[in-house]
Amino acid sequence: MNSKSVICILLSIALLNVASAAEEGGVNVEPNVDETIFSEITHTETTTDLEDWEITLTLSDDAINNNTTFELTTQMCNNEGVCLPPTVAEVSTTDGKIFTSAVTTIEDHSYVNWRVKATYTEDNDTTEMFPSKGFYKTWSDCWFNGGEWGGDNCPSENSDDDESFLPALGLFATVVAVMIAVATRSE
């Protein structure tokens, strides 16, 4: 076996590993509260189209004592794979410790992304993101991910969609064609 064939095989294995490492549809991505500035975070567990996604964030005593402020950013993505630009959500509080916010979901949405940017005023206004990269995620009651529909509120025509594998099949065929071309060119 020549080196180019080995490279093609290794690239194929890497592509399969990346595809299998993708997030699981319908499984919320949640923060570990112990690794945040909050003592408690609660939010709507499953969202519904055109209804509010609500969140309550309770600052830890350390964060309150250090005059920590934060900004909540949300982003909505639809079942066609299009995400709206992230927006800063309006947050309210009556006591400076417990903060609430609500954003109305869009029609045909898959999930709500969300993250928190903390500013530590006692530490020269340094900032920290939770999560450090990307977003936490709350899935809807009807979502499309990885060629599959899921959720308890999908119309029956979505769940019987047998054509959802076609884009993946096209990608697989393209990868195979490129590998064959590389392998035959090296000979």
C-alpha atoms as a PDB file:
ATOM      1  CA  MET A   1       0.000   0.000   0.000  1.00  0.00           C
ATOM      2  CA  ASN A   2       1.437   3.394  -0.928  1.00  0.00           C
ATOM      3  CA  SER A   3       1.524   6.438   1.360  1.00  0.00           C
ATOM      4  CA  LYS A   4      -1.257   8.314  -0.472  1.00  0.00           C
ATOM      5  CA  SER A   5      -3.649   5.398   0.026  1.00  0.00           C
ATOM      6  CA  VAL A   6      -2.796   5.338   3.710  1.00  0.00           C
ATOM      7  CA  ILE A   7      -3.449   9.080   3.925  1.00  0.00           C
ATOM      8  CA  CYS A   8      -6.847   8.640   2.226  1.00  0.00           C
ATOM      9  CA  ILE A   9      -7.806   5.903   4.674  1.00  0.00           C
ATOM     10  CA  LEU A  10      -6.701   7.975   7.672  1.00  0.00           C
ATOM     11  CA  LEU A  11      -8.644  11.000   6.398  1.00  0.00           C
ATOM     12  CA  SER A  12     -11.744   8.833   5.996  1.00  0.00           C
ATOM     13  CA  ILE A  13     -11.435   7.589   9.566  1.00  0.00           C
ATOM     14  CA  ALA A  14     -10.956  11.175  10.786  1.00  0.00           C
ATOM     15  CA  LEU A  15     -14.077  12.333   8.902  1.00  0.00           C
ATOM     16  CA  LEU A  16     -16.126   9.530  10.425  1.00  0.00           C
ATOM     17  CA  ASN A  17     -14.871  10.414  13.914  1.00  0.00           C
ATOM     18  CA  VAL A  18     -15.766  14.085  13.443  1.00  0.00           C
ATOM     19  CA  ALA A  19     -19.256  13.163  12.250  1.00  0.00           C
ATOM     20  CA  SER A  20     -19.823  10.826  15.186  1.00  0.00           C
ATOM     21  CA  ALA A  21     -18.581  13.454  17.663  1.00  0.00           C
ATOM     22  CA  ALA A  22     -21.365  15.862  16.676  1.00  0.00           C
ATOM     23  CA  GLU A  23     -23.798  16.771  19.417  1.00  0.00           C
ATOM     24  CA  GLU A  24     -26.779  14.588  20.002  1.00  0.00           C
ATOM     25  CA  GLY A  25     -30.050  16.107  18.827  1.00  0.00           C
ATOM     26  CA  GLY A  26     -32.566  16.859  21.542  1.00  0.00           C
ATOM     27  CA  VAL A  27     -30.029  16.712  24.392  1.00  0.00           C
ATOM     28  CA  ASN A  28     -29.624  20.097  26.065  1.00  0.00           C
ATOM     29  CA  VAL A  29     -26.107  21.434  26.598  1.00  0.00           C
ATOM     30  CA  GLU A  30     -26.060  22.699  30.176  1.00  0.00           C
ATOM     31  CA  PRO A  31     -23.495  24.512  32.313  1.00  0.00           C
ATOM     32  CA  ASN A  32     -21.889  22.971  35.343  1.00  0.00           C
ATOM     33  CA  VAL A  33     -23.060  25.654  37.788  1.00  0.00           C
ATOM     34  CA  ASP A  34     -20.017  25.051  40.015  1.00  0.00           C
ATOM     35  CA  GLU A  35     -17.845  26.383  37.169  1.00  0.00           C
ATOM     36  CA  THR A  36     -19.842  29.613  36.723  1.00  0.00           C
ATOM     37  CA  ILE A  37     -20.513  32.828  38.625  1.00  0.00           C
ATOM     38  CA  PHE A  38     -24.003  31.561  39.461  1.00  0.00           C
ATOM     39  CA  SER A  39     -25.268  29.531  42.394  1.00  0.00           C
ATOM     40  CA  GLU A  40     -28.302  28.390  40.407  1.00  0.00           C
ATOM     41  CA  ILE A  41     -29.524  28.460  36.811  1.00  0.00           C
ATOM     42  CA  THR A  42     -33.006  27.344  35.788  1.00  0.00           C
ATOM     43  CA  HIS A  43     -34.621  27.693  32.387  1.00  0.00           C
ATOM     44  CA  THR A  44     -37.327  26.309  30.150  1.00  0.00           C
ATOM     45  CA  GLU A  45     -36.215  22.718  29.508  1.00  0.00           C
ATOM     46  CA  THR A  46     -37.915  22.271  26.125  1.00  0.00           C
ATOM     47  CA  THR A  47     -38.957  25.204  23.962  1.00  0.00           C
ATOM     48  CA  THR A  48     -42.040  25.551  21.771  1.00  0.00           C
ATOM     49  CA  ASP A  49     -42.409  27.694  18.634  1.00  0.00           C
ATOM     50  CA  LEU A  50     -43.539  31.281  19.293  1.00  0.00           C
ATOM     51  CA  GLU A  51     -43.510  30.829  23.084  1.00  0.00           C
ATOM     52  CA  ASP A  52     -41.123  32.265  25.664  1.00  0.00           C
ATOM     53  CA  TRP A  53     -37.857  30.599  26.605  1.00  0.00           C
ATOM     54  CA  GLU A  54     -37.410  31.743  30.205  1.00  0.00           C
ATOM     55  CA  ILE A  55     -34.299  31.717  32.347  1.00  0.00           C
ATOM     56  CA  THR A  56     -33.538  32.581  35.981  1.00  0.00           C
ATOM     57  CA  LEU A  57     -29.910  33.182  36.962  1.00  0.00           C
ATOM     58  CA  THR A  58     -28.925  33.515  40.622  1.00  0.00           C
ATOM     59  CA  LEU A  59     -25.514  35.124  41.208  1.00  0.00           C
ATOM     60  CA  SER A  60     -23.225  33.483  43.749  1.00  0.00           C
ATOM     61  CA  ASP A  61     -22.370  35.447  46.891  1.00  0.00           C
ATOM     62  CA  ASP A  62     -18.763  35.843  45.684  1.00  0.00           C
ATOM     63  CA  ALA A  63     -19.965  37.356  42.399  1.00  0.00           C
ATOM     64  CA  ILE A  64     -22.262  39.791  44.210  1.00  0.00           C
ATOM     65  CA  ASN A  65     -19.491  40.805  46.642  1.00  0.00           C
ATOM     66  CA  ASN A  66     -17.073  41.416  43.735  1.00  0.00           C
ATOM     67  CA  ASN A  67     -19.564  43.648  41.881  1.00  0.00           C
ATOM     68  CA  THR A  68     -19.699  41.180  38.984  1.00  0.00           C
ATOM     69  CA  THR A  69     -22.011  42.094  36.133  1.00  0.00           C
ATOM     70  CA  PHE A  70     -23.108  39.891  33.261  1.00  0.00           C
ATOM     71  CA  GLU A  71     -24.712  39.913  29.861  1.00  0.00           C
ATOM     72  CA  LEU A  72     -26.970  37.156  28.516  1.00  0.00           C
ATOM     73  CA  THR A  73     -26.755  36.469  24.779  1.00  0.00           C
ATOM     74  CA  THR A  74     -29.257  34.262  22.943  1.00  0.00           C
ATOM     75  CA  GLN A  75     -29.397  32.920  19.405  1.00  0.00           C
ATOM     76  CA  MET A  76     -32.165  30.983  17.696  1.00  0.00           C
ATOM     77  CA  CYS A  77     -31.662  28.416  14.966  1.00  0.00           C
ATOM     78  CA  ASN A  78     -34.376  26.981  12.728  1.00  0.00           C
ATOM     79  CA  ASN A  79     -34.940  23.477  11.397  1.00  0.00           C
ATOM     80  CA  GLU A  80     -33.395  24.415   8.040  1.00  0.00           C
ATOM     81  CA  GLY A  81     -30.017  24.950   9.727  1.00  0.00           C
ATOM     82  CA  VAL A  82     -30.117  28.750   9.647  1.00  0.00           C
ATOM     83  CA  CYS A  83     -29.205  30.622  12.823  1.00  0.00           C
ATOM     84  CA  LEU A  84     -30.240  34.206  13.476  1.00  0.00           C
ATOM     85  CA  PRO A  85     -27.487  36.555  14.663  1.00  0.00           C
ATOM     86  CA  PRO A  86     -26.870  36.407  18.424  1.00  0.00           C
ATOM     87  CA  THR A  87     -28.652  39.136  20.384  1.00  0.00           C
ATOM     88  CA  VAL A  88     -28.241  40.448  23.911  1.00  0.00           C
ATOM     89  CA  ALA A  89     -31.323  39.544  25.933  1.00  0.00           C
ATOM     90  CA  GLU A  90     -32.977  41.981  28.278  1.00  0.00           C
ATOM     91  CA  VAL A  91     -32.431  40.884  31.889  1.00  0.00           C
ATOM     92  CA  SER A  92     -34.247  42.212  34.961  1.00  0.00           C
ATOM     93  CA  THR A  93     -33.738  41.968  38.716  1.00  0.00           C
ATOM     94  CA  THR A  94     -35.336  43.337  41.854  1.00  0.00           C
ATOM     95  CA  ASP A  95     -32.572  42.465  44.314  1.00  0.00           C
ATOM     96  CA  GLY A  96     -29.302  42.351  42.322  1.00  0.00           C
ATOM     97  CA  LYS A  97     -28.950  38.634  42.995  1.00  0.00           C
ATOM     98  CA  ILE A  98     -31.717  36.873  41.046  1.00  0.00           C
ATOM     99  CA  PHE A  99     -32.044  37.828  37.379  1.00  0.00           C
ATOM    100  CA  THR A 100     -34.748  36.777  34.938  1.00  0.00           C
ATOM    101  CA  SER A 101     -35.121  36.970  31.200  1.00  0.00           C
ATOM    102  CA  ALA A 102     -37.447  35.668  28.514  1.00  0.00           C
ATOM    103  CA  VAL A 103     -37.144  35.606  24.740  1.00  0.00           C
ATOM    104  CA  THR A 104     -39.861  34.526  22.336  1.00  0.00           C
ATOM    105  CA  THR A 105     -38.819  31.694  20.053  1.00  0.00           C
ATOM    106  CA  ILE A 106     -39.166  31.846  16.293  1.00  0.00           C
ATOM    107  CA  GLU A 107     -41.401  29.644  14.178  1.00  0.00           C
ATOM    108  CA  ASP A 108     -39.935  26.244  13.189  1.00  0.00           C
ATOM    109  CA  HIS A 109     -36.945  26.554  15.516  1.00  0.00           C
ATOM    110  CA  SER A 110     -34.628  23.695  16.443  1.00  0.00           C
ATOM    111  CA  TYR A 111     -33.030  25.184  19.529  1.00  0.00           C
ATOM    112  CA  VAL A 112     -32.087  28.273  21.507  1.00  0.00           C
ATOM    113  CA  ASN A 113     -28.375  28.899  22.015  1.00  0.00           C
ATOM    114  CA  TRP A 114     -27.361  30.941  25.047  1.00  0.00           C
ATOM    115  CA  ARG A 115     -24.230  32.133  26.824  1.00  0.00           C
ATOM    116  CA  VAL A 116     -23.161  34.527  29.561  1.00  0.00           C
ATOM    117  CA  LYS A 117     -20.415  37.143  29.474  1.00  0.00           C
ATOM    118  CA  ALA A 118     -19.265  38.080  32.980  1.00  0.00           C
ATOM    119  CA  THR A 119     -17.440  41.335  33.742  1.00  0.00           C
ATOM    120  CA  TYR A 120     -15.430  41.469  36.961  1.00  0.00           C
ATOM    121  CA  THR A 121     -15.420  45.142  37.971  1.00  0.00           C
ATOM    122  CA  GLU A 122     -13.159  44.493  40.974  1.00  0.00           C
ATOM    123  CA  ASP A 123     -10.546  43.079  38.575  1.00  0.00           C
ATOM    124  CA  ASN A 124     -10.131  45.983  36.113  1.00  0.00           C
ATOM    125  CA  ASP A 125     -13.255  45.004  34.143  1.00  0.00           C
ATOM    126  CA  THR A 126     -11.862  41.699  32.901  1.00  0.00           C
ATOM    127  CA  THR A 127     -14.365  39.443  31.187  1.00  0.00           C
ATOM    128  CA  GLU A 128     -15.052  35.720  31.067  1.00  0.00           C
ATOM    129  CA  MET A 129     -17.422  33.744  28.843  1.00  0.00           C
ATOM    130  CA  PHE A 130     -19.653  30.880  30.003  1.00  0.00           C
ATOM    131  CA  PRO A 131     -19.150  28.607  28.160  1.00  0.00           C
ATOM    132  CA  SER A 132     -15.633  29.656  27.175  1.00  0.00           C
ATOM    133  CA  LYS A 133     -16.434  28.778  23.527  1.00  0.00           C
ATOM    134  CA  GLY A 134     -19.736  28.336  21.748  1.00  0.00           C
ATOM    135  CA  PHE A 135     -23.102  28.211  23.481  1.00  0.00           C
ATOM    136  CA  TYR A 136     -25.224  26.251  25.896  1.00  0.00           C
ATOM    137  CA  LYS A 137     -28.263  24.858  24.091  1.00  0.00           C
ATOM    138  CA  THR A 138     -31.953  24.284  24.808  1.00  0.00           C
ATOM    139  CA  TRP A 139     -33.721  22.115  22.218  1.00  0.00           C
ATOM    140  CA  SER A 140     -37.261  22.626  20.961  1.00  0.00           C
ATOM    141  CA  ASP A 141     -40.125  20.160  21.053  1.00  0.00           C
ATOM    142  CA  CYS A 142     -39.709  19.659  17.271  1.00  0.00           C
ATOM    143  CA  TRP A 143     -36.157  19.689  15.943  1.00  0.00           C
ATOM    144  CA  PHE A 144     -34.196  18.508  12.924  1.00  0.00           C
ATOM    145  CA  ASN A 145     -30.566  17.490  13.448  1.00  0.00           C
ATOM    146  CA  GLY A 146     -28.207  15.206  11.572  1.00  0.00           C
ATOM    147  CA  GLY A 147     -30.896  14.145   9.122  1.00  0.00           C
ATOM    148  CA  GLU A 148     -33.344  13.143  11.872  1.00  0.00           C
ATOM    149  CA  TRP A 149     -36.482  14.735  13.305  1.00  0.00           C
ATOM    150  CA  GLY A 150     -37.128  14.596  17.014  1.00  0.00           C
ATOM    151  CA  GLY A 151     -39.195  16.045  19.806  1.00  0.00           C
ATOM    152  CA  ASP A 152     -42.673  15.390  21.119  1.00  0.00           C
ATOM    153  CA  ASN A 153     -44.435  18.064  19.065  1.00  0.00           C
ATOM    154  CA  CYS A 154     -43.388  17.356  15.456  1.00  0.00           C
ATOM    155  CA  PRO A 155     -46.073  17.010  12.815  1.00  0.00           C
ATOM    156  CA  SER A 156     -46.344  13.433  11.591  1.00  0.00           C
ATOM    157  CA  GLU A 157     -45.184  14.348   8.065  1.00  0.00           C
ATOM    158  CA  ASN A 158     -41.771  15.383   9.466  1.00  0.00           C
ATOM    159  CA  SER A 159     -41.184  12.132  11.312  1.00  0.00           C
ATOM    160  CA  ASP A 160     -41.824  10.030   8.176  1.00  0.00           C
ATOM    161  CA  ASP A 161     -39.424  12.004   5.968  1.00  0.00           C
ATOM    162  CA  ASP A 162     -37.298   9.363   4.232  1.00  0.00           C
ATOM    163  CA  GLU A 163     -35.420  11.874   2.082  1.00  0.00           C
ATOM    164  CA  SER A 164     -33.427  13.295   4.999  1.00  0.00           C
ATOM    165  CA  PHE A 165     -30.509  10.938   4.348  1.00  0.00           C
ATOM    166  CA  LEU A 166     -29.902  12.295   0.826  1.00  0.00           C
ATOM    167  CA  PRO A 167     -27.558  15.184   1.785  1.00  0.00           C
ATOM    168  CA  ALA A 168     -25.419  12.804   3.850  1.00  0.00           C
ATOM    169  CA  LEU A 169     -25.364  10.314   0.994  1.00  0.00           C
ATOM    170  CA  GLY A 170     -24.164  13.034  -1.390  1.00  0.00           C
ATOM    171  CA  LEU A 171     -21.400  14.064   1.010  1.00  0.00           C
ATOM    172  CA  PHE A 172     -20.301  10.461   1.429  1.00  0.00           C
ATOM    173  CA  ALA A 173     -20.252   9.919  -2.359  1.00  0.00           C
ATOM    174  CA  THR A 174     -18.168  13.063  -2.838  1.00  0.00           C
ATOM    175  CA  VAL A 175     -15.613  11.977  -0.236  1.00  0.00           C
ATOM    176  CA  VAL A 176     -15.358   8.516  -1.798  1.00  0.00           C
ATOM    177  CA  ALA A 177     -14.926  10.000  -5.289  1.00  0.00           C
ATOM    178  CA  VAL A 178     -12.125  12.290  -4.097  1.00  0.00           C
ATOM    179  CA  MET A 179     -10.372   9.402  -2.341  1.00  0.00           C
ATOM    180  CA  ILE A 180     -10.588   7.230  -5.462  1.00  0.00           C
ATOM    181  CA  ALA A 181      -9.252  10.074  -7.606  1.00  0.00           C
ATOM    182  CA  VAL A 182      -6.311  10.619  -5.256  1.00  0.00           C
ATOM    183  CA  ALA A 183      -5.555   6.901  -5.044  1.00  0.00           C
ATOM    184  CA  THR A 184      -5.664   6.367  -8.843  1.00  0.00           C
ATOM    185  CA  ARG A 185      -3.666   9.515  -9.551  1.00  0.00           C
ATOM    186  CA  SER A 186      -0.805   8.280  -7.381  1.00  0.00           C
ATOM    187  CA  GLU A 187      -0.436   5.077  -9.411  1.00  0.00           C
END
